Amino acid sequence: MSETPSEYPVSPEAAKQSPAVTQDAQAERESHADSAAADQAPADAWEAPQQSVRPDPVRAPHAGVFGYVAAVVGIAVALWIVAGRTLVGIDGDLVRWFAYSLGPVYAILNIFVARNIILTAKRGYNLRPSAVATLIISWVCGIGFGFLVPDITEHGLVSMVSLSGGEVAQEIGIGVANPLATVSVALTIFALVLSGLSARGPKPPVDEDDY
């Protein structure tokens, strides 16, 4: 029997691939690489989502003037609550009592509200209208409280409205004065919270890709 050779000779021409076959193989490899990169891109985007950023502030000149006005008006209303009655000759015990209690508390709250308003303007953000509304209503209630609150004098309870309206006006003032003081302080606290939120700026926009 004749032995079968283990290796067949290959001609040099057959060992060399044709240029067309080489180009087809290279194109196929590039196609597989592009497909793999396309499959990997969504995963990378999911792993590293874009972070939301706050909008850039737009600064306006003299935007913090209202903050200084709020501080001046708030201190003036606090002084009115404490000693406004002395302008018509009513100098009782509540003047000294309010000077150590309600007056300083109200003034300090208004100063912090004014500080938040100034910070909001300096950072280029818009002050919430609700903060302005609650602050102004607080001032109105404080002024009304100064008119209606009776003071303890040697002649009994006397208020600014009782000097012109008599006993009936004084009884009405006693019933309305305390609620006005409570509402005034509460609204000032609300204005402090709302102005503080305004100083932080608007919330960053929500991106659907983050979920």
C-alpha atoms as a PDB file:
ATOM      1  CA  MET A   1       0.000   0.000   0.000  1.00  0.00           C
ATOM      2  CA  SER A   2       1.156   3.492  -0.747  1.00  0.00           C
ATOM      3  CA  GLU A   3       1.581   5.814   2.262  1.00  0.00           C
ATOM      4  CA  THR A   4      -0.645   8.879   2.366  1.00  0.00           C
ATOM      5  CA  PRO A   5       1.396  12.037   2.888  1.00  0.00           C
ATOM      6  CA  SER A   6       0.535  13.922   6.127  1.00  0.00           C
ATOM      7  CA  GLU A   7       0.933  17.297   4.506  1.00  0.00           C
ATOM      8  CA  TYR A   8       0.075  18.382   1.067  1.00  0.00           C
ATOM      9  CA  PRO A   9       2.269  20.939  -0.592  1.00  0.00           C
ATOM     10  CA  VAL A  10       0.679  24.344  -1.071  1.00  0.00           C
ATOM     11  CA  SER A  11       1.719  26.587  -3.831  1.00  0.00           C
ATOM     12  CA  PRO A  12       2.916  30.108  -2.966  1.00  0.00           C
ATOM     13  CA  GLU A  13       0.164  31.558  -5.150  1.00  0.00           C
ATOM     14  CA  ALA A  14      -2.585  29.757  -3.185  1.00  0.00           C
ATOM     15  CA  ALA A  15      -1.109  30.810   0.160  1.00  0.00           C
ATOM     16  CA  LYS A  16      -1.521  34.450  -0.741  1.00  0.00           C
ATOM     17  CA  GLN A  17      -5.074  35.778  -0.309  1.00  0.00           C
ATOM     18  CA  SER A  18      -6.564  37.954  -2.974  1.00  0.00           C
ATOM     19  CA  PRO A  19      -6.961  41.676  -2.209  1.00  0.00           C
ATOM     20  CA  ALA A  20     -10.762  41.434  -2.527  1.00  0.00           C
ATOM     21  CA  VAL A  21     -10.989  38.739   0.157  1.00  0.00           C
ATOM     22  CA  THR A  22      -8.768  40.775   2.504  1.00  0.00           C
ATOM     23  CA  GLN A  23     -10.898  43.915   2.115  1.00  0.00           C
ATOM     24  CA  ASP A  24     -14.115  41.959   2.755  1.00  0.00           C
ATOM     25  CA  ALA A  25     -12.719  40.488   5.967  1.00  0.00           C
ATOM     26  CA  GLN A  26     -11.553  43.882   7.218  1.00  0.00           C
ATOM     27  CA  ALA A  27     -14.946  45.448   6.467  1.00  0.00           C
ATOM     28  CA  GLU A  28     -16.667  42.665   8.386  1.00  0.00           C
ATOM     29  CA  ARG A  29     -14.423  43.218  11.426  1.00  0.00           C
ATOM     30  CA  GLU A  30     -15.127  46.959  11.381  1.00  0.00           C
ATOM     31  CA  SER A  31     -18.875  46.256  11.197  1.00  0.00           C
ATOM     32  CA  HIS A  32     -18.680  44.009  14.277  1.00  0.00           C
ATOM     33  CA  ALA A  33     -16.691  46.676  16.160  1.00  0.00           C
ATOM     34  CA  ASP A  34     -19.265  49.397  15.365  1.00  0.00           C
ATOM     35  CA  SER A  35     -22.095  47.137  16.543  1.00  0.00           C
ATOM     36  CA  ALA A  36     -20.319  46.424  19.832  1.00  0.00           C
ATOM     37  CA  ALA A  37     -19.708  50.145  20.414  1.00  0.00           C
ATOM     38  CA  ALA A  38     -23.367  50.929  19.697  1.00  0.00           C
ATOM     39  CA  ASP A  39     -24.485  48.274  22.191  1.00  0.00           C
ATOM     40  CA  GLN A  40     -22.148  49.642  24.853  1.00  0.00           C
ATOM     41  CA  ALA A  41     -23.123  53.335  24.443  1.00  0.00           C
ATOM     42  CA  PRO A  42     -26.552  53.138  26.172  1.00  0.00           C
ATOM     43  CA  ALA A  43     -25.001  51.306  29.116  1.00  0.00           C
ATOM     44  CA  ASP A  44     -22.366  53.999  29.500  1.00  0.00           C
ATOM     45  CA  ALA A  45     -25.007  56.714  29.268  1.00  0.00           C
ATOM     46  CA  TRP A  46     -27.075  54.935  31.926  1.00  0.00           C
ATOM     47  CA  GLU A  47     -24.113  54.598  34.275  1.00  0.00           C
ATOM     48  CA  ALA A  48     -23.084  58.265  34.002  1.00  0.00           C
ATOM     49  CA  PRO A  49     -26.210  60.434  33.569  1.00  0.00           C
ATOM     50  CA  GLN A  50     -25.824  64.134  33.078  1.00  0.00           C
ATOM     51  CA  GLN A  51     -26.044  66.096  36.296  1.00  0.00           C
ATOM     52  CA  SER A  52     -28.672  68.816  36.535  1.00  0.00           C
ATOM     53  CA  VAL A  53     -27.333  72.269  37.239  1.00  0.00           C
ATOM     54  CA  ARG A  54     -28.993  75.405  38.482  1.00  0.00           C
ATOM     55  CA  PRO A  55     -29.569  78.134  35.904  1.00  0.00           C
ATOM     56  CA  ASP A  56     -27.008  80.898  35.821  1.00  0.00           C
ATOM     57  CA  PRO A  57     -28.180  83.938  37.811  1.00  0.00           C
ATOM     58  CA  VAL A  58     -28.982  87.169  36.031  1.00  0.00           C
ATOM     59  CA  ARG A  59     -27.940  90.089  38.190  1.00  0.00           C
ATOM     60  CA  ALA A  60     -29.915  93.321  38.096  1.00  0.00           C
ATOM     61  CA  PRO A  61     -28.579  96.649  39.407  1.00  0.00           C
ATOM     62  CA  HIS A  62     -30.184  98.019  42.604  1.00  0.00           C
ATOM     63  CA  ALA A  63     -32.220  94.826  42.984  1.00  0.00           C
ATOM     64  CA  GLY A  64     -31.603  94.678  46.753  1.00  0.00           C
ATOM     65  CA  VAL A  65     -33.069  98.084  47.560  1.00  0.00           C
ATOM     66  CA  PHE A  66     -36.288  96.508  48.796  1.00  0.00           C
ATOM     67  CA  GLY A  67     -34.274  94.580  51.365  1.00  0.00           C
ATOM     68  CA  TYR A  68     -32.990  97.785  52.958  1.00  0.00           C
ATOM     69  CA  VAL A  69     -36.494  99.270  52.804  1.00  0.00           C
ATOM     70  CA  ALA A  70     -37.855  96.166  54.535  1.00  0.00           C
ATOM     71  CA  ALA A  71     -35.317  96.529  57.353  1.00  0.00           C
ATOM     72  CA  VAL A  72     -36.181 100.200  57.910  1.00  0.00           C
ATOM     73  CA  VAL A  73     -39.954  99.629  57.786  1.00  0.00           C
ATOM     74  CA  GLY A  74     -39.727  96.564  60.038  1.00  0.00           C
ATOM     75  CA  ILE A  75     -37.782  98.451  62.712  1.00  0.00           C
ATOM     76  CA  ALA A  76     -40.176 101.411  62.421  1.00  0.00           C
ATOM     77  CA  VAL A  77     -43.210  99.147  62.934  1.00  0.00           C
ATOM     78  CA  ALA A  78     -41.484  97.531  65.926  1.00  0.00           C
ATOM     79  CA  LEU A  79     -40.935 100.971  67.467  1.00  0.00           C
ATOM     80  CA  TRP A  80     -44.552 101.851  66.742  1.00  0.00           C
ATOM     81  CA  ILE A  81     -45.722  98.719  68.549  1.00  0.00           C
ATOM     82  CA  VAL A  82     -43.547  99.512  71.556  1.00  0.00           C
ATOM     83  CA  ALA A  83     -43.978 103.261  71.977  1.00  0.00           C
ATOM     84  CA  GLY A  84     -46.391 104.563  69.362  1.00  0.00           C
ATOM     85  CA  ARG A  85     -48.931 105.378  72.064  1.00  0.00           C
ATOM     86  CA  THR A  86     -46.559 107.861  73.688  1.00  0.00           C
ATOM     87  CA  LEU A  87     -47.129 110.197  70.723  1.00  0.00           C
ATOM     88  CA  VAL A  88     -50.606 110.957  72.142  1.00  0.00           C
ATOM     89  CA  GLY A  89     -49.533 111.012  75.775  1.00  0.00           C
ATOM     90  CA  ILE A  90     -50.231 107.365  76.699  1.00  0.00           C
ATOM     91  CA  ASP A  91     -47.198 106.142  78.640  1.00  0.00           C
ATOM     92  CA  GLY A  92     -48.079 103.014  80.534  1.00  0.00           C
ATOM     93  CA  ASP A  93     -46.478  99.828  81.737  1.00  0.00           C
ATOM     94  CA  LEU A  94     -46.822  98.039  78.383  1.00  0.00           C
ATOM     95  CA  VAL A  95     -44.303 100.395  76.797  1.00  0.00           C
ATOM     96  CA  ARG A  96     -41.515  98.972  78.946  1.00  0.00           C
ATOM     97  CA  TRP A  97     -42.934  95.439  78.696  1.00  0.00           C
ATOM     98  CA  PHE A  98     -43.016  95.511  74.872  1.00  0.00           C
ATOM     99  CA  ALA A  99     -39.551  97.087  74.809  1.00  0.00           C
ATOM    100  CA  TYR A 100     -38.101  93.843  76.232  1.00  0.00           C
ATOM    101  CA  SER A 101     -40.373  91.310  74.515  1.00  0.00           C
ATOM    102  CA  LEU A 102     -42.477  91.882  71.417  1.00  0.00           C
ATOM    103  CA  GLY A 103     -40.598  94.839  70.001  1.00  0.00           C
ATOM    104  CA  PRO A 104     -37.106  93.262  69.747  1.00  0.00           C
ATOM    105  CA  VAL A 105     -38.516  89.952  68.484  1.00  0.00           C
ATOM    106  CA  TYR A 106     -40.446  91.678  65.719  1.00  0.00           C
ATOM    107  CA  ALA A 107     -37.487  93.862  64.744  1.00  0.00           C
ATOM    108  CA  ILE A 108     -35.037  90.932  64.611  1.00  0.00           C
ATOM    109  CA  LEU A 109     -37.404  88.885  62.447  1.00  0.00           C
ATOM    110  CA  ASN A 110     -37.721  91.761  59.985  1.00  0.00           C
ATOM    111  CA  ILE A 111     -33.943  92.241  59.885  1.00  0.00           C
ATOM    112  CA  PHE A 112     -33.433  88.592  58.947  1.00  0.00           C
ATOM    113  CA  VAL A 113     -36.141  88.849  56.293  1.00  0.00           C
ATOM    114  CA  ALA A 114     -34.385  91.902  54.877  1.00  0.00           C
ATOM    115  CA  ARG A 115     -31.090  89.998  54.886  1.00  0.00           C
ATOM    116  CA  ASN A 116     -32.628  87.172  52.855  1.00  0.00           C
ATOM    117  CA  ILE A 117     -34.102  89.663  50.388  1.00  0.00           C
ATOM    118  CA  ILE A 118     -30.685  91.285  49.884  1.00  0.00           C
ATOM    119  CA  LEU A 119     -28.998  87.898  49.427  1.00  0.00           C
ATOM    120  CA  THR A 120     -31.643  86.913  46.891  1.00  0.00           C
ATOM    121  CA  ALA A 121     -30.929  90.046  44.868  1.00  0.00           C
ATOM    122  CA  LYS A 122     -27.151  89.688  45.079  1.00  0.00           C
ATOM    123  CA  ARG A 123     -27.333  86.102  43.836  1.00  0.00           C
ATOM    124  CA  GLY A 124     -29.478  87.167  40.911  1.00  0.00           C
ATOM    125  CA  TYR A 125     -32.615  85.255  41.893  1.00  0.00           C
ATOM    126  CA  ASN A 126     -36.215  86.449  41.962  1.00  0.00           C
ATOM    127  CA  LEU A 127     -37.942  87.085  45.285  1.00  0.00           C
ATOM    128  CA  ARG A 128     -41.135  85.095  45.713  1.00  0.00           C
ATOM    129  CA  PRO A 129     -44.254  87.286  45.546  1.00  0.00           C
ATOM    130  CA  SER A 130     -45.687  85.386  48.502  1.00  0.00           C
ATOM    131  CA  ALA A 131     -42.767  86.584  50.653  1.00  0.00           C
ATOM    132  CA  VAL A 132     -43.482  90.211  49.748  1.00  0.00           C
ATOM    133  CA  ALA A 133     -47.230  89.810  50.349  1.00  0.00           C
ATOM    134  CA  THR A 134     -46.864  88.184  53.767  1.00  0.00           C
ATOM    135  CA  LEU A 135     -44.316  90.785  54.861  1.00  0.00           C
ATOM    136  CA  ILE A 136     -46.517  93.734  53.867  1.00  0.00           C
ATOM    137  CA  ILE A 137     -49.588  92.221  55.548  1.00  0.00           C
ATOM    138  CA  SER A 138     -47.452  91.691  58.661  1.00  0.00           C
ATOM    139  CA  TRP A 139     -46.602  95.388  58.701  1.00  0.00           C
ATOM    140  CA  VAL A 140     -50.280  96.351  58.345  1.00  0.00           C
ATOM    141  CA  CYS A 141     -51.242  94.069  61.244  1.00  0.00           C
ATOM    142  CA  GLY A 142     -48.431  95.493  63.375  1.00  0.00           C
ATOM    143  CA  ILE A 143     -49.549  99.056  62.710  1.00  0.00           C
ATOM    144  CA  GLY A 144     -53.136  98.118  63.549  1.00  0.00           C
ATOM    145  CA  PHE A 145     -51.994  96.484  66.775  1.00  0.00           C
ATOM    146  CA  GLY A 146     -50.221  99.692  67.794  1.00  0.00           C
ATOM    147  CA  PHE A 147     -53.444 101.652  67.294  1.00  0.00           C
ATOM    148  CA  LEU A 148     -55.732  99.248  69.128  1.00  0.00           C
ATOM    149  CA  VAL A 149     -53.681  97.854  72.032  1.00  0.00           C
ATOM    150  CA  PRO A 150     -54.650  99.441  75.354  1.00  0.00           C
ATOM    151  CA  ASP A 151     -52.000 100.452  77.857  1.00  0.00           C
ATOM    152  CA  ILE A 152     -52.124 100.309  81.631  1.00  0.00           C
ATOM    153  CA  THR A 153     -52.057 103.809  83.084  1.00  0.00           C
ATOM    154  CA  GLU A 154     -53.059 105.415  86.369  1.00  0.00           C
ATOM    155  CA  HIS A 155     -56.446 106.118  84.787  1.00  0.00           C
ATOM    156  CA  GLY A 156     -56.978 102.482  83.780  1.00  0.00           C
ATOM    157  CA  LEU A 157     -56.778 100.959  80.318  1.00  0.00           C
ATOM    158  CA  VAL A 158     -56.310 103.589  77.622  1.00  0.00           C
ATOM    159  CA  SER A 159     -55.674 103.139  73.921  1.00  0.00           C
ATOM    160  CA  MET A 160     -55.304 105.449  70.960  1.00  0.00           C
ATOM    161  CA  VAL A 161     -58.754 104.560  69.627  1.00  0.00           C
ATOM    162  CA  SER A 162     -60.405 104.972  73.028  1.00  0.00           C
ATOM    163  CA  LEU A 163     -59.368 108.621  73.127  1.00  0.00           C
ATOM    164  CA  SER A 164     -61.709 109.365  70.246  1.00  0.00           C
ATOM    165  CA  GLY A 165     -64.127 106.410  70.251  1.00  0.00           C
ATOM    166  CA  GLY A 166     -64.814 105.941  73.939  1.00  0.00           C
ATOM    167  CA  GLU A 167     -65.565 102.717  75.763  1.00  0.00           C
ATOM    168  CA  VAL A 168     -67.066 100.922  72.757  1.00  0.00           C
ATOM    169  CA  ALA A 169     -63.970 101.501  70.628  1.00  0.00           C
ATOM    170  CA  GLN A 170     -61.741 100.370  73.475  1.00  0.00           C
ATOM    171  CA  GLU A 171     -63.642  97.086  73.901  1.00  0.00           C
ATOM    172  CA  ILE A 172     -63.409  96.415  70.194  1.00  0.00           C
ATOM    173  CA  GLY A 173     -59.704  97.244  70.277  1.00  0.00           C
ATOM    174  CA  ILE A 174     -59.084  94.819  73.156  1.00  0.00           C
ATOM    175  CA  GLY A 175     -60.784  92.018  71.233  1.00  0.00           C
ATOM    176  CA  VAL A 176     -58.890  92.678  67.986  1.00  0.00           C
ATOM    177  CA  ALA A 177     -55.450  93.733  69.241  1.00  0.00           C
ATOM    178  CA  ASN A 178     -54.186  90.348  70.439  1.00  0.00           C
ATOM    179  CA  PRO A 179     -55.145  88.471  67.225  1.00  0.00           C
ATOM    180  CA  LEU A 180     -53.467  91.205  65.184  1.00  0.00           C
ATOM    181  CA  ALA A 181     -50.233  90.785  67.159  1.00  0.00           C
ATOM    182  CA  THR A 182     -50.301  87.014  66.704  1.00  0.00           C
ATOM    183  CA  VAL A 183     -51.001  87.260  62.971  1.00  0.00           C
ATOM    184  CA  SER A 184     -48.308  89.904  62.532  1.00  0.00           C
ATOM    185  CA  VAL A 185     -45.572  87.791  64.134  1.00  0.00           C
ATOM    186  CA  ALA A 186     -46.718  84.602  62.372  1.00  0.00           C
ATOM    187  CA  LEU A 187     -46.708  86.273  58.954  1.00  0.00           C
ATOM    188  CA  THR A 188     -43.240  87.664  59.602  1.00  0.00           C
ATOM    189  CA  ILE A 189     -42.008  84.130  60.308  1.00  0.00           C
ATOM    190  CA  PHE A 190     -43.637  82.934  57.067  1.00  0.00           C
ATOM    191  CA  ALA A 191     -41.951  85.779  55.200  1.00  0.00           C
ATOM    192  CA  LEU A 192     -38.626  84.729  56.729  1.00  0.00           C
ATOM    193  CA  VAL A 193     -39.059  81.150  55.484  1.00  0.00           C
ATOM    194  CA  LEU A 194     -40.215  82.181  52.006  1.00  0.00           C
ATOM    195  CA  SER A 195     -37.429  84.722  51.579  1.00  0.00           C
ATOM    196  CA  GLY A 196     -34.908  82.090  52.701  1.00  0.00           C
ATOM    197  CA  LEU A 197     -36.170  79.737  49.996  1.00  0.00           C
ATOM    198  CA  SER A 198     -35.869  82.548  47.466  1.00  0.00           C
ATOM    199  CA  ALA A 199     -32.246  83.135  48.486  1.00  0.00           C
ATOM    200  CA  ARG A 200     -31.447  79.497  47.661  1.00  0.00           C
ATOM    201  CA  GLY A 201     -32.570  80.010  44.099  1.00  0.00           C
ATOM    202  CA  PRO A 202     -34.908  77.976  41.898  1.00  0.00           C
ATOM    203  CA  LYS A 203     -34.801  74.206  41.879  1.00  0.00           C
ATOM    204  CA  PRO A 204     -32.647  72.649  39.142  1.00  0.00           C
ATOM    205  CA  PRO A 205     -34.620  71.365  36.148  1.00  0.00           C
ATOM    206  CA  VAL A 206     -35.565  67.699  36.295  1.00  0.00           C
ATOM    207  CA  ASP A 207     -33.949  65.601  33.569  1.00  0.00           C
ATOM    208  CA  GLU A 208     -35.882  62.523  32.479  1.00  0.00           C
ATOM    209  CA  ASP A 209     -32.597  60.690  31.848  1.00  0.00           C
ATOM    210  CA  ASP A 210     -31.931  60.734  35.602  1.00  0.00           C
ATOM    211  CA  TYR A 211     -34.770  58.263  36.189  1.00  0.00           C
END
